[in-house]
């Protein structure tokens, strides 16, 4: 499976005919403090490619208000994402992977930033023969979208290497 970037071009606007190329970067977050680091990466990428930043949280079920502690952390992450210039999106769905993929298609997203699944969790799922949520999301995304997976141990200093790859 190979994801690559595609530039979206439109030829018309209210002022007449004009070519436009817009990059949309979506950072998929969960209610974890590690998500702040993902937002930082997404913001740097958006700045580098002069694109728009979107922060997306999809809660399994029909409400993001199921847990008070989760809600407090999400509120902090949303405020941080807003401070970084991101548009905030909070959705609920029983099928998280499909919901993310549908959002990416609907919004014509060009890059998706995600955090790496913790190694222990990944190993446990593999041991049980289960496909993890991370794999489900990757599989559901359109193939023309670039997926950027941020390793858990990556530091902000390593962002320059990442920027070279996307630059």
Foldseek 3Di string as FASTA:
>chain_A
DAEAFDWDWDQDDPVGGDTDTAAEEEEEDFLDPLSLVLLVLQLVLCVLVVHAYAYEYEAEDADQPPDPSSVVSVVVSVVSSVVSRYHYYYHYYNLRLLVVQVVCVVVVHAEYEYEDDPPVVVVVCVVVVHDDSVNSNVVSHDRHHHYHYDYSPDDPVCSVVVSVVVD
